């Protein structure tokens, strides 16, 4: 297994969370009901970092974070992760459509 520095692990977690949010484009809860937390997407790290297939838990978390996706996209630090090829692959594998967000 490859060793990662703390900064790389944090970036990976952020990336994974963003990917999960990206994948979750249509959920049943409203933004007021969602808990927008990138750490909820840690379960998607293996898929994000190593190209593994996303787990059922990863897909579930992506769906839960769907209402938060545009918020994450508006954050310049998170946007590159959400727009990443791996995020797109994870979303497709989970059957989650990528939402269109206005970025101000």
PDB file of N, CA and C in Angstrom:
ATOM      1  N   UNK A   1       0.848  -1.191   0.000  1.00  0.00           N
ATOM      2  CA  UNK A   1       0.000   0.000   0.000  1.00  0.00           C
ATOM      3  C   UNK A   1       0.883   1.240   0.000  1.00  0.00           C
ATOM      4  N   UNK A   2       0.517   2.236  -0.685  1.00  0.00           N
ATOM      5  CA  UNK A   2       1.266   3.465  -0.820  1.00  0.00           C
ATOM      6  C   UNK A   2       1.060   4.344   0.413  1.00  0.00           C
ATOM      7  N   UNK A   3       2.150   4.905   0.933  1.00  0.00           N
ATOM      8  CA  UNK A   3       2.077   5.806   2.090  1.00  0.00           C
ATOM      9  C   UNK A   3       1.803   7.217   1.583  1.00  0.00           C
ATOM     10  N   UNK A   4       0.955   7.941   2.318  1.00  0.00           N
ATOM     11  CA  UNK A   4       0.608   9.304   1.940  1.00  0.00           C
ATOM     12  C   UNK A   4       0.927  10.244   3.082  1.00  0.00           C
ATOM     13  N   UNK A   5       1.289  11.466   2.731  1.00  0.00           N
ATOM     14  CA  UNK A   5       1.499  12.509   3.718  1.00  0.00           C
ATOM     15  C   UNK A   5       0.149  13.012   4.183  1.00  0.00           C
ATOM     16  N   UNK A   6       0.128  13.711   5.331  1.00  0.00           N
ATOM     17  CA  UNK A   6      -1.128  14.234   5.881  1.00  0.00           C
ATOM     18  C   UNK A   6      -1.829  15.148   4.879  1.00  0.00           C
ATOM     19  N   UNK A   7      -1.075  16.018   4.196  1.00  0.00           N
ATOM     20  CA  UNK A   7      -1.683  16.927   3.221  1.00  0.00           C
ATOM     21  C   UNK A   7      -2.302  16.160   2.062  1.00  0.00           C
ATOM     22  N   UNK A   8      -1.636  15.092   1.628  1.00  0.00           N
ATOM     23  CA  UNK A   8      -2.170  14.294   0.528  1.00  0.00           C
ATOM     24  C   UNK A   8      -3.434  13.583   0.967  1.00  0.00           C
ATOM     25  N   UNK A   9      -3.459  13.083   2.207  1.00  0.00           N
ATOM     26  CA  UNK A   9      -4.653  12.417   2.724  1.00  0.00           C
ATOM     27  C   UNK A   9      -5.810  13.393   2.813  1.00  0.00           C
ATOM     28  N   UNK A  10      -5.533  14.598   3.297  1.00  0.00           N
ATOM     29  CA  UNK A  10      -6.583  15.616   3.406  1.00  0.00           C
ATOM     30  C   UNK A  10      -7.103  15.995   2.030  1.00  0.00           C
ATOM     31  N   UNK A  11      -6.209  16.149   1.085  1.00  0.00           N
ATOM     32  CA  UNK A  11      -6.618  16.485  -0.283  1.00  0.00           C
ATOM     33  C   UNK A  11      -7.445  15.367  -0.879  1.00  0.00           C
ATOM     34  N   UNK A  12      -7.067  14.171  -0.564  1.00  0.00           N
ATOM     35  CA  UNK A  12      -7.797  13.021  -1.073  1.00  0.00           C
ATOM     36  C   UNK A  12      -9.192  12.976  -0.488  1.00  0.00           C
ATOM     37  N   UNK A  13      -9.302  13.208   0.799  1.00  0.00           N
ATOM     38  CA  UNK A  13     -10.606  13.207   1.453  1.00  0.00           C
ATOM     39  C   UNK A  13     -11.477  14.293   0.862  1.00  0.00           C
ATOM     40  N   UNK A  14     -10.901  15.467   0.685  1.00  0.00           N
ATOM     41  CA  UNK A  14     -11.648  16.573   0.100  1.00  0.00           C
ATOM     42  C   UNK A  14     -12.073  16.208  -1.315  1.00  0.00           C
ATOM     43  N   UNK A  15     -11.160  15.619  -2.057  1.00  0.00           N
ATOM     44  CA  UNK A  15     -11.479  15.229  -3.426  1.00  0.00           C
ATOM     45  C   UNK A  15     -12.605  14.217  -3.471  1.00  0.00           C
ATOM     46  N   UNK A  16     -12.515  13.256  -2.604  1.00  0.00           N
ATOM     47  CA  UNK A  16     -13.523  12.223  -2.562  1.00  0.00           C
ATOM     48  C   UNK A  16     -14.868  12.798  -2.200  1.00  0.00           C
ATOM     49  N   UNK A  17     -14.881  13.669  -1.221  1.00  0.00           N
ATOM     50  CA  UNK A  17     -16.133  14.288  -0.811  1.00  0.00           C
ATOM     51  C   UNK A  17     -16.729  15.094  -1.946  1.00  0.00           C
ATOM     52  N   UNK A  18     -15.891  15.802  -2.636  1.00  0.00           N
ATOM     53  CA  UNK A  18     -16.371  16.602  -3.749  1.00  0.00           C
ATOM     54  C   UNK A  18     -16.920  15.707  -4.845  1.00  0.00           C
ATOM     55  N   UNK A  19     -16.241  14.634  -5.093  1.00  0.00           N
ATOM     56  CA  UNK A  19     -16.699  13.694  -6.110  1.00  0.00           C
ATOM     57  C   UNK A  19     -18.050  13.135  -5.719  1.00  0.00           C
ATOM     58  N   UNK A  20     -18.168  12.778  -4.465  1.00  0.00           N
ATOM     59  CA  UNK A  20     -19.425  12.238  -3.981  1.00  0.00           C
ATOM     60  C   UNK A  20     -20.531  13.261  -4.158  1.00  0.00           C
ATOM     61  N   UNK A  21     -20.257  14.482  -3.830  1.00  0.00           N
ATOM     62  CA  UNK A  21     -21.252  15.537  -3.969  1.00  0.00           C
ATOM     63  C   UNK A  21     -21.580  15.734  -5.442  1.00  0.00           C
ATOM     64  N   UNK A  22     -20.578  15.667  -6.266  1.00  0.00           N
ATOM     65  CA  UNK A  22     -20.785  15.813  -7.702  1.00  0.00           C
ATOM     66  C   UNK A  22     -21.706  14.723  -8.218  1.00  0.00           C
ATOM     67  N   UNK A  23     -21.475  13.539  -7.753  1.00  0.00           N
ATOM     68  CA  UNK A  23     -22.252  12.406  -8.211  1.00  0.00           C
ATOM     69  C   UNK A  23     -23.701  12.512  -7.759  1.00  0.00           C
ATOM     70  N   UNK A  24     -23.914  13.091  -6.627  1.00  0.00           N
ATOM     71  CA  UNK A  24     -25.256  13.180  -6.084  1.00  0.00           C
ATOM     72  C   UNK A  24     -25.952  14.413  -6.643  1.00  0.00           C
ATOM     73  N   UNK A  25     -26.674  14.223  -7.679  1.00  0.00           N
ATOM     74  CA  UNK A  25     -27.302  15.382  -8.295  1.00  0.00           C
ATOM     75  C   UNK A  25     -28.775  15.498  -7.973  1.00  0.00           C
ATOM     76  N   UNK A  26     -29.389  14.454  -7.546  1.00  0.00           N
ATOM     77  CA  UNK A  26     -30.812  14.546  -7.267  1.00  0.00           C
ATOM     78  C   UNK A  26     -31.191  13.663  -6.110  1.00  0.00           C
ATOM     79  N   UNK A  27     -31.403  14.256  -4.954  1.00  0.00           N
ATOM     80  CA  UNK A  27     -31.795  13.494  -3.780  1.00  0.00           C
ATOM     81  C   UNK A  27     -33.124  13.966  -3.278  1.00  0.00           C
ATOM     82  N   UNK A  28     -33.649  13.278  -2.280  1.00  0.00           N
ATOM     83  CA  UNK A  28     -34.951  13.601  -1.737  1.00  0.00           C
ATOM     84  C   UNK A  28     -34.928  14.673  -0.681  1.00  0.00           C
ATOM     85  N   UNK A  29     -33.758  15.032  -0.160  1.00  0.00           N
ATOM     86  CA  UNK A  29     -33.755  16.025   0.889  1.00  0.00           C
ATOM     87  C   UNK A  29     -33.383  17.395   0.366  1.00  0.00           C
ATOM     88  N   UNK A  30     -33.822  18.385   1.081  1.00  0.00           N
ATOM     89  CA  UNK A  30     -33.500  19.757   0.730  1.00  0.00           C
ATOM     90  C   UNK A  30     -32.196  20.167   1.370  1.00  0.00           C
ATOM     91  N   UNK A  31     -31.638  21.289   0.933  1.00  0.00           N
ATOM     92  CA  UNK A  31     -30.374  21.756   1.476  1.00  0.00           C
ATOM     93  C   UNK A  31     -30.479  21.975   2.975  1.00  0.00           C
ATOM     94  N   UNK A  32     -31.621  22.438   3.455  1.00  0.00           N
ATOM     95  CA  UNK A  32     -31.786  22.674   4.888  1.00  0.00           C
ATOM     96  C   UNK A  32     -31.707  21.372   5.673  1.00  0.00           C
ATOM     97  N   UNK A  33     -32.075  20.239   5.063  1.00  0.00           N
ATOM     98  CA  UNK A  33     -32.052  18.946   5.736  1.00  0.00           C
ATOM     99  C   UNK A  33     -30.697  18.251   5.619  1.00  0.00           C
ATOM    100  N   UNK A  34     -29.913  18.599   4.650  1.00  0.00           N
ATOM    101  CA  UNK A  34     -28.639  17.942   4.404  1.00  0.00           C
ATOM    102  C   UNK A  34     -27.577  18.447   5.365  1.00  0.00           C
ATOM    103  N   UNK A  35     -26.704  17.533   5.759  1.00  0.00           N
ATOM    104  CA  UNK A  35     -25.543  17.900   6.551  1.00  0.00           C
ATOM    105  C   UNK A  35     -24.385  17.925   5.566  1.00  0.00           C
ATOM    106  N   UNK A  36     -23.986  19.116   5.177  1.00  0.00           N
ATOM    107  CA  UNK A  36     -22.918  19.264   4.188  1.00  0.00           C
ATOM    108  C   UNK A  36     -21.571  19.106   4.880  1.00  0.00           C
ATOM    109  N   UNK A  37     -21.004  17.939   4.719  1.00  0.00           N
ATOM    110  CA  UNK A  37     -19.727  17.627   5.354  1.00  0.00           C
ATOM    111  C   UNK A  37     -18.928  16.741   4.417  1.00  0.00           C
ATOM    112  N   UNK A  38     -17.804  17.230   3.990  1.00  0.00           N
ATOM    113  CA  UNK A  38     -16.961  16.460   3.081  1.00  0.00           C
ATOM    114  C   UNK A  38     -16.458  15.172   3.719  1.00  0.00           C
ATOM    115  N   UNK A  39     -16.332  15.171   5.045  1.00  0.00           N
ATOM    116  CA  UNK A  39     -15.856  13.964   5.709  1.00  0.00           C
ATOM    117  C   UNK A  39     -16.823  12.798   5.535  1.00  0.00           C
ATOM    118  N   UNK A  40     -18.079  13.103   5.223  1.00  0.00           N
ATOM    119  CA  UNK A  40     -19.058  12.047   4.957  1.00  0.00           C
ATOM    120  C   UNK A  40     -18.669  11.245   3.718  1.00  0.00           C
ATOM    121  N   UNK A  41     -17.826  11.812   2.902  1.00  0.00           N
ATOM    122  CA  UNK A  41     -17.456  11.169   1.639  1.00  0.00           C
ATOM    123  C   UNK A  41     -16.152  10.373   1.712  1.00  0.00           C
ATOM    124  N   UNK A  42     -15.607  10.226   2.908  1.00  0.00           N
ATOM    125  CA  UNK A  42     -14.368   9.461   3.073  1.00  0.00           C
ATOM    126  C   UNK A  42     -14.494   8.048   2.519  1.00  0.00           C
ATOM    127  N   UNK A  43     -15.683   7.486   2.579  1.00  0.00           N
ATOM    128  CA  UNK A  43     -15.888   6.120   2.089  1.00  0.00           C
ATOM    129  C   UNK A  43     -15.648   6.008   0.589  1.00  0.00           C
ATOM    130  N   UNK A  44     -15.556   7.127  -0.087  1.00  0.00           N
ATOM    131  CA  UNK A  44     -15.317   7.135  -1.534  1.00  0.00           C
ATOM    132  C   UNK A  44     -13.833   7.284  -1.883  1.00  0.00           C
ATOM    133  N   UNK A  45     -12.985   7.410  -0.894  1.00  0.00           N
ATOM    134  CA  UNK A  45     -11.561   7.616  -1.161  1.00  0.00           C
ATOM    135  C   UNK A  45     -10.926   6.506  -1.999  1.00  0.00           C
ATOM    136  N   UNK A  46     -11.189   5.237  -1.713  1.00  0.00           N
ATOM    137  CA  UNK A  46     -10.559   4.209  -2.555  1.00  0.00           C
ATOM    138  C   UNK A  46     -10.917   4.373  -4.032  1.00  0.00           C
ATOM    139  N   UNK A  47     -12.143   4.729  -4.306  1.00  0.00           N
ATOM    140  CA  UNK A  47     -12.555   4.937  -5.697  1.00  0.00           C
ATOM    141  C   UNK A  47     -11.879   6.176  -6.274  1.00  0.00           C
ATOM    142  N   UNK A  48     -11.792   7.219  -5.490  1.00  0.00           N
ATOM    143  CA  UNK A  48     -11.219   8.477  -5.961  1.00  0.00           C
ATOM    144  C   UNK A  48      -9.714   8.361  -6.172  1.00  0.00           C
ATOM    145  N   UNK A  49      -9.040   7.763  -5.227  1.00  0.00           N
ATOM    146  CA  UNK A  49      -7.581   7.705  -5.292  1.00  0.00           C
ATOM    147  C   UNK A  49      -7.020   6.581  -6.149  1.00  0.00           C
ATOM    148  N   UNK A  50      -7.653   5.436  -6.076  1.00  0.00           N
ATOM    149  CA  UNK A  50      -7.078   4.266  -6.722  1.00  0.00           C
ATOM    150  C   UNK A  50      -7.897   3.736  -7.888  1.00  0.00           C
ATOM    151  N   UNK A  51      -8.970   4.448  -8.234  1.00  0.00           N
ATOM    152  CA  UNK A  51      -9.775   4.054  -9.375  1.00  0.00           C
ATOM    153  C   UNK A  51     -10.619   2.806  -9.153  1.00  0.00           C
ATOM    154  N   UNK A  52     -10.804   2.427  -7.885  1.00  0.00           N
ATOM    155  CA  UNK A  52     -11.641   1.270  -7.582  1.00  0.00           C
ATOM    156  C   UNK A  52     -13.100   1.613  -7.845  1.00  0.00           C
ATOM    157  N   UNK A  53     -13.911   0.597  -7.972  1.00  0.00           N
ATOM    158  CA  UNK A  53     -15.344   0.825  -8.112  1.00  0.00           C
ATOM    159  C   UNK A  53     -15.869   1.367  -6.797  1.00  0.00           C
ATOM    160  N   UNK A  54     -16.793   2.341  -6.846  1.00  0.00           N
ATOM    161  CA  UNK A  54     -17.331   2.880  -5.600  1.00  0.00           C
ATOM    162  C   UNK A  54     -18.183   1.832  -4.882  1.00  0.00           C
ATOM    163  N   UNK A  55     -18.083   1.844  -3.573  1.00  0.00           N
ATOM    164  CA  UNK A  55     -18.867   0.924  -2.763  1.00  0.00           C
ATOM    165  C   UNK A  55     -20.317   1.401  -2.687  1.00  0.00           C
ATOM    166  N   UNK A  56     -21.190   0.535  -2.237  1.00  0.00           N
ATOM    167  CA  UNK A  56     -22.592   0.910  -2.038  1.00  0.00           C
ATOM    168  C   UNK A  56     -22.667   2.051  -1.028  1.00  0.00           C
ATOM    169  N   UNK A  57     -21.830   1.979   0.007  1.00  0.00           N
ATOM    170  CA  UNK A  57     -21.805   3.034   1.023  1.00  0.00           C
ATOM    171  C   UNK A  57     -21.379   4.371   0.411  1.00  0.00           C
ATOM    172  N   UNK A  58     -20.414   4.337  -0.481  1.00  0.00           N
ATOM    173  CA  UNK A  58     -19.962   5.545  -1.175  1.00  0.00           C
ATOM    174  C   UNK A  58     -21.119   6.145  -1.969  1.00  0.00           C
ATOM    175  N   UNK A  59     -21.799   5.309  -2.735  1.00  0.00           N
ATOM    176  CA  UNK A  59     -22.917   5.801  -3.538  1.00  0.00           C
ATOM    177  C   UNK A  59     -24.027   6.364  -2.659  1.00  0.00           C
ATOM    178  N   UNK A  60     -24.292   5.716  -1.539  1.00  0.00           N
ATOM    179  CA  UNK A  60     -25.310   6.223  -0.612  1.00  0.00           C
ATOM    180  C   UNK A  60     -24.927   7.592  -0.071  1.00  0.00           C
ATOM    181  N   UNK A  61     -23.661   7.736   0.295  1.00  0.00           N
ATOM    182  CA  UNK A  61     -23.201   9.026   0.827  1.00  0.00           C
ATOM    183  C   UNK A  61     -23.253  10.104  -0.247  1.00  0.00           C
ATOM    184  N   UNK A  62     -22.939   9.747  -1.474  1.00  0.00           N
ATOM    185  CA  UNK A  62     -23.024  10.713  -2.568  1.00  0.00           C
ATOM    186  C   UNK A  62     -24.452  11.213  -2.709  1.00  0.00           C
ATOM    187  N   UNK A  63     -25.380  10.300  -2.621  1.00  0.00           N
ATOM    188  CA  UNK A  63     -26.785  10.686  -2.722  1.00  0.00           C
ATOM    189  C   UNK A  63     -27.191  11.611  -1.583  1.00  0.00           C
ATOM    190  N   UNK A  64     -26.721  11.318  -0.385  1.00  0.00           N
ATOM    191  CA  UNK A  64     -27.043  12.155   0.771  1.00  0.00           C
ATOM    192  C   UNK A  64     -26.475  13.567   0.620  1.00  0.00           C
ATOM    193  N   UNK A  65     -25.338  13.688  -0.007  1.00  0.00           N
ATOM    194  CA  UNK A  65     -24.663  14.972  -0.150  1.00  0.00           C
ATOM    195  C   UNK A  65     -25.095  15.752  -1.389  1.00  0.00           C
ATOM    196  N   UNK A  66     -25.972  15.214  -2.178  1.00  0.00           N
ATOM    197  CA  UNK A  66     -26.419  15.866  -3.404  1.00  0.00           C
ATOM    198  C   UNK A  66     -26.839  17.311  -3.190  1.00  0.00           C
ATOM    199  N   UNK A  67     -27.606  17.632  -2.140  1.00  0.00           N
ATOM    200  CA  UNK A  67     -28.024  19.027  -1.958  1.00  0.00           C
ATOM    201  C   UNK A  67     -26.859  19.986  -1.700  1.00  0.00           C
ATOM    202  N   UNK A  68     -25.695  19.425  -1.382  1.00  0.00           N
ATOM    203  CA  UNK A  68     -24.525  20.243  -1.054  1.00  0.00           C
ATOM    204  C   UNK A  68     -23.607  20.470  -2.250  1.00  0.00           C
ATOM    205  N   UNK A  69     -23.839  19.773  -3.334  1.00  0.00           N
ATOM    206  CA  UNK A  69     -22.913  19.794  -4.460  1.00  0.00           C
ATOM    207  C   UNK A  69     -22.593  21.188  -4.979  1.00  0.00           C
ATOM    208  N   UNK A  70     -23.612  21.989  -5.206  1.00  0.00           N
ATOM    209  CA  UNK A  70     -23.359  23.331  -5.761  1.00  0.00           C
ATOM    210  C   UNK A  70     -22.571  24.194  -4.770  1.00  0.00           C
ATOM    211  N   UNK A  71     -22.829  24.006  -3.494  1.00  0.00           N
ATOM    212  CA  UNK A  71     -22.059  24.726  -2.466  1.00  0.00           C
ATOM    213  C   UNK A  71     -20.580  24.363  -2.584  1.00  0.00           C
ATOM    214  N   UNK A  72     -20.294  23.075  -2.762  1.00  0.00           N
ATOM    215  CA  UNK A  72     -18.911  22.628  -2.911  1.00  0.00           C
ATOM    216  C   UNK A  72     -18.299  23.164  -4.200  1.00  0.00           C
ATOM    217  N   UNK A  73     -19.093  23.210  -5.269  1.00  0.00           N
ATOM    218  CA  UNK A  73     -18.593  23.720  -6.549  1.00  0.00           C
ATOM    219  C   UNK A  73     -18.232  25.198  -6.478  1.00  0.00           C
ATOM    220  N   UNK A  74     -18.922  25.932  -5.645  1.00  0.00           N
ATOM    221  CA  UNK A  74     -18.647  27.370  -5.519  1.00  0.00           C
ATOM    222  C   UNK A  74     -17.375  27.649  -4.737  1.00  0.00           C
ATOM    223  N   UNK A  75     -16.837  26.650  -4.064  1.00  0.00           N
ATOM    224  CA  UNK A  75     -15.609  26.798  -3.297  1.00  0.00           C
ATOM    225  C   UNK A  75     -14.436  26.557  -4.246  1.00  0.00           C
ATOM    226  N   UNK A  76     -13.630  27.597  -4.521  1.00  0.00           N
ATOM    227  CA  UNK A  76     -12.522  27.451  -5.471  1.00  0.00           C
ATOM    228  C   UNK A  76     -11.522  26.356  -5.079  1.00  0.00           C
ATOM    229  N   UNK A  77     -11.404  26.056  -3.793  1.00  0.00           N
ATOM    230  CA  UNK A  77     -10.482  25.013  -3.346  1.00  0.00           C
ATOM    231  C   UNK A  77     -11.012  23.614  -3.657  1.00  0.00           C
ATOM    232  N   UNK A  78     -12.317  23.475  -3.724  1.00  0.00           N
ATOM    233  CA  UNK A  78     -12.929  22.169  -3.955  1.00  0.00           C
ATOM    234  C   UNK A  78     -13.264  21.902  -5.412  1.00  0.00           C
ATOM    235  N   UNK A  79     -13.485  22.952  -6.162  1.00  0.00           N
ATOM    236  CA  UNK A  79     -13.926  22.818  -7.558  1.00  0.00           C
ATOM    237  C   UNK A  79     -13.057  21.875  -8.387  1.00  0.00           C
ATOM    238  N   UNK A  80     -11.714  21.938  -8.297  1.00  0.00           N
ATOM    239  CA  UNK A  80     -10.905  21.032  -9.129  1.00  0.00           C
ATOM    240  C   UNK A  80     -11.173  19.556  -8.838  1.00  0.00           C
ATOM    241  N   UNK A  81     -11.524  19.241  -7.610  1.00  0.00           N
ATOM    242  CA  UNK A  81     -11.803  17.850  -7.265  1.00  0.00           C
ATOM    243  C   UNK A  81     -13.150  17.413  -7.818  1.00  0.00           C
ATOM    244  N   UNK A  82     -14.113  18.308  -7.735  1.00  0.00           N
ATOM    245  CA  UNK A  82     -15.451  17.997  -8.232  1.00  0.00           C
ATOM    246  C   UNK A  82     -15.418  17.822  -9.741  1.00  0.00           C
ATOM    247  N   UNK A  83     -14.576  18.574 -10.405  1.00  0.00           N
ATOM    248  CA  UNK A  83     -14.474  18.508 -11.864  1.00  0.00           C
ATOM    249  C   UNK A  83     -13.529  17.415 -12.351  1.00  0.00           C
ATOM    250  N   UNK A  84     -12.974  16.651 -11.436  1.00  0.00           N
ATOM    251  CA  UNK A  84     -11.970  15.658 -11.814  1.00  0.00           C
ATOM    252  C   UNK A  84     -12.576  14.482 -12.579  1.00  0.00           C
ATOM    253  N   UNK A  85     -11.772  13.842 -13.415  1.00  0.00           N
ATOM    254  CA  UNK A  85     -12.245  12.673 -14.158  1.00  0.00           C
ATOM    255  C   UNK A  85     -12.719  11.549 -13.231  1.00  0.00           C
ATOM    256  N   UNK A  86     -12.027  11.346 -12.109  1.00  0.00           N
ATOM    257  CA  UNK A  86     -12.442  10.286 -11.185  1.00  0.00           C
ATOM    258  C   UNK A  86     -13.804  10.592 -10.574  1.00  0.00           C
ATOM    259  N   UNK A  87     -14.078  11.841 -10.290  1.00  0.00           N
ATOM    260  CA  UNK A  87     -15.380  12.217  -9.728  1.00  0.00           C
ATOM    261  C   UNK A  87     -16.484  11.888 -10.730  1.00  0.00           C
ATOM    262  N   UNK A  88     -16.224  12.162 -11.973  1.00  0.00           N
ATOM    263  CA  UNK A  88     -17.198  11.873 -13.029  1.00  0.00           C
ATOM    264  C   UNK A  88     -17.434  10.366 -13.150  1.00  0.00           C
ATOM    265  N   UNK A  89     -16.357   9.591 -13.053  1.00  0.00           N
ATOM    266  CA  UNK A  89     -16.468   8.130 -13.141  1.00  0.00           C
ATOM    267  C   UNK A  89     -17.267   7.577 -11.964  1.00  0.00           C
ATOM    268  N   UNK A  90     -17.008   8.109 -10.770  1.00  0.00           N
ATOM    269  CA  UNK A  90     -17.707   7.639  -9.573  1.00  0.00           C
ATOM    270  C   UNK A  90     -19.193   7.958  -9.681  1.00  0.00           C
ATOM    271  N   UNK A  91     -19.489   9.149 -10.115  1.00  0.00           N
ATOM    272  CA  UNK A  91     -20.894   9.545 -10.265  1.00  0.00           C
ATOM    273  C   UNK A  91     -21.604   8.630 -11.263  1.00  0.00           C
ATOM    274  N   UNK A  92     -20.955   8.355 -12.369  1.00  0.00           N
ATOM    275  CA  UNK A  92     -21.559   7.485 -13.384  1.00  0.00           C
ATOM    276  C   UNK A  92     -21.764   6.072 -12.838  1.00  0.00           C
ATOM    277  N   UNK A  93     -20.782   5.572 -12.113  1.00  0.00           N
ATOM    278  CA  UNK A  93     -20.876   4.223 -11.546  1.00  0.00           C
ATOM    279  C   UNK A  93     -22.002   4.119 -10.525  1.00  0.00           C
ATOM    280  N   UNK A  94     -22.259   5.226  -9.829  1.00  0.00           N
ATOM    281  CA  UNK A  94     -23.321   5.250  -8.822  1.00  0.00           C
ATOM    282  C   UNK A  94     -24.670   5.616  -9.423  1.00  0.00           C
ATOM    283  N   UNK A  95     -24.685   5.940 -10.703  1.00  0.00           N
ATOM    284  CA  UNK A  95     -25.935   6.297 -11.358  1.00  0.00           C
ATOM    285  C   UNK A  95     -26.451   7.658 -10.927  1.00  0.00           C
ATOM    286  N   UNK A  96     -25.531   8.531 -10.569  1.00  0.00           N
ATOM    287  CA  UNK A  96     -25.896   9.868 -10.119  1.00  0.00           C
ATOM    288  C   UNK A  96     -25.573  10.871 -11.226  1.00  0.00           C
ATOM    289  N   UNK A  97     -26.554  11.670 -11.578  1.00  0.00           N
ATOM    290  CA  UNK A  97     -26.350  12.699 -12.599  1.00  0.00           C
ATOM    291  C   UNK A  97     -25.618  13.887 -11.980  1.00  0.00           C
ATOM    292  N   UNK A  98     -24.745  14.474 -12.739  1.00  0.00           N
ATOM    293  CA  UNK A  98     -24.003  15.647 -12.269  1.00  0.00           C
ATOM    294  C   UNK A  98     -24.876  16.883 -12.488  1.00  0.00           C
ATOM    295  N   UNK A  99     -25.123  17.633 -11.414  1.00  0.00           N
ATOM    296  CA  UNK A  99     -25.986  18.807 -11.546  1.00  0.00           C
ATOM    297  C   UNK A  99     -25.276  19.970 -12.244  1.00  0.00           C
ATOM    298  N   UNK A 100     -26.057  20.860 -12.772  1.00  0.00           N
ATOM    299  CA  UNK A 100     -25.540  22.099 -13.332  1.00  0.00           C
ATOM    300  C   UNK A 100     -25.675  23.150 -12.252  1.00  0.00           C
ATOM    301  N   UNK A 101     -24.578  23.780 -11.889  1.00  0.00           N
ATOM    302  CA  UNK A 101     -24.594  24.772 -10.804  1.00  0.00           C
ATOM    303  C   UNK A 101     -24.113  26.109 -11.344  1.00  0.00           C
ATOM    304  N   UNK A 102     -24.754  27.179 -10.902  1.00  0.00           N
ATOM    305  CA  UNK A 102     -24.259  28.503 -11.244  1.00  0.00           C
ATOM    306  C   UNK A 102     -23.146  28.812 -10.263  1.00  0.00           C
ATOM    307  N   UNK A 103     -22.008  29.185 -10.812  1.00  0.00           N
ATOM    308  CA  UNK A 103     -20.836  29.451  -9.976  1.00  0.00           C
ATOM    309  C   UNK A 103     -20.591  30.945 -10.003  1.00  0.00           C
ATOM    310  N   UNK A 104     -20.778  31.536  -8.844  1.00  0.00           N
ATOM    311  CA  UNK A 104     -20.612  32.987  -8.732  1.00  0.00           C
ATOM    312  C   UNK A 104     -19.299  33.321  -8.109  1.00  0.00           C
TER     313      UNK A 104
END
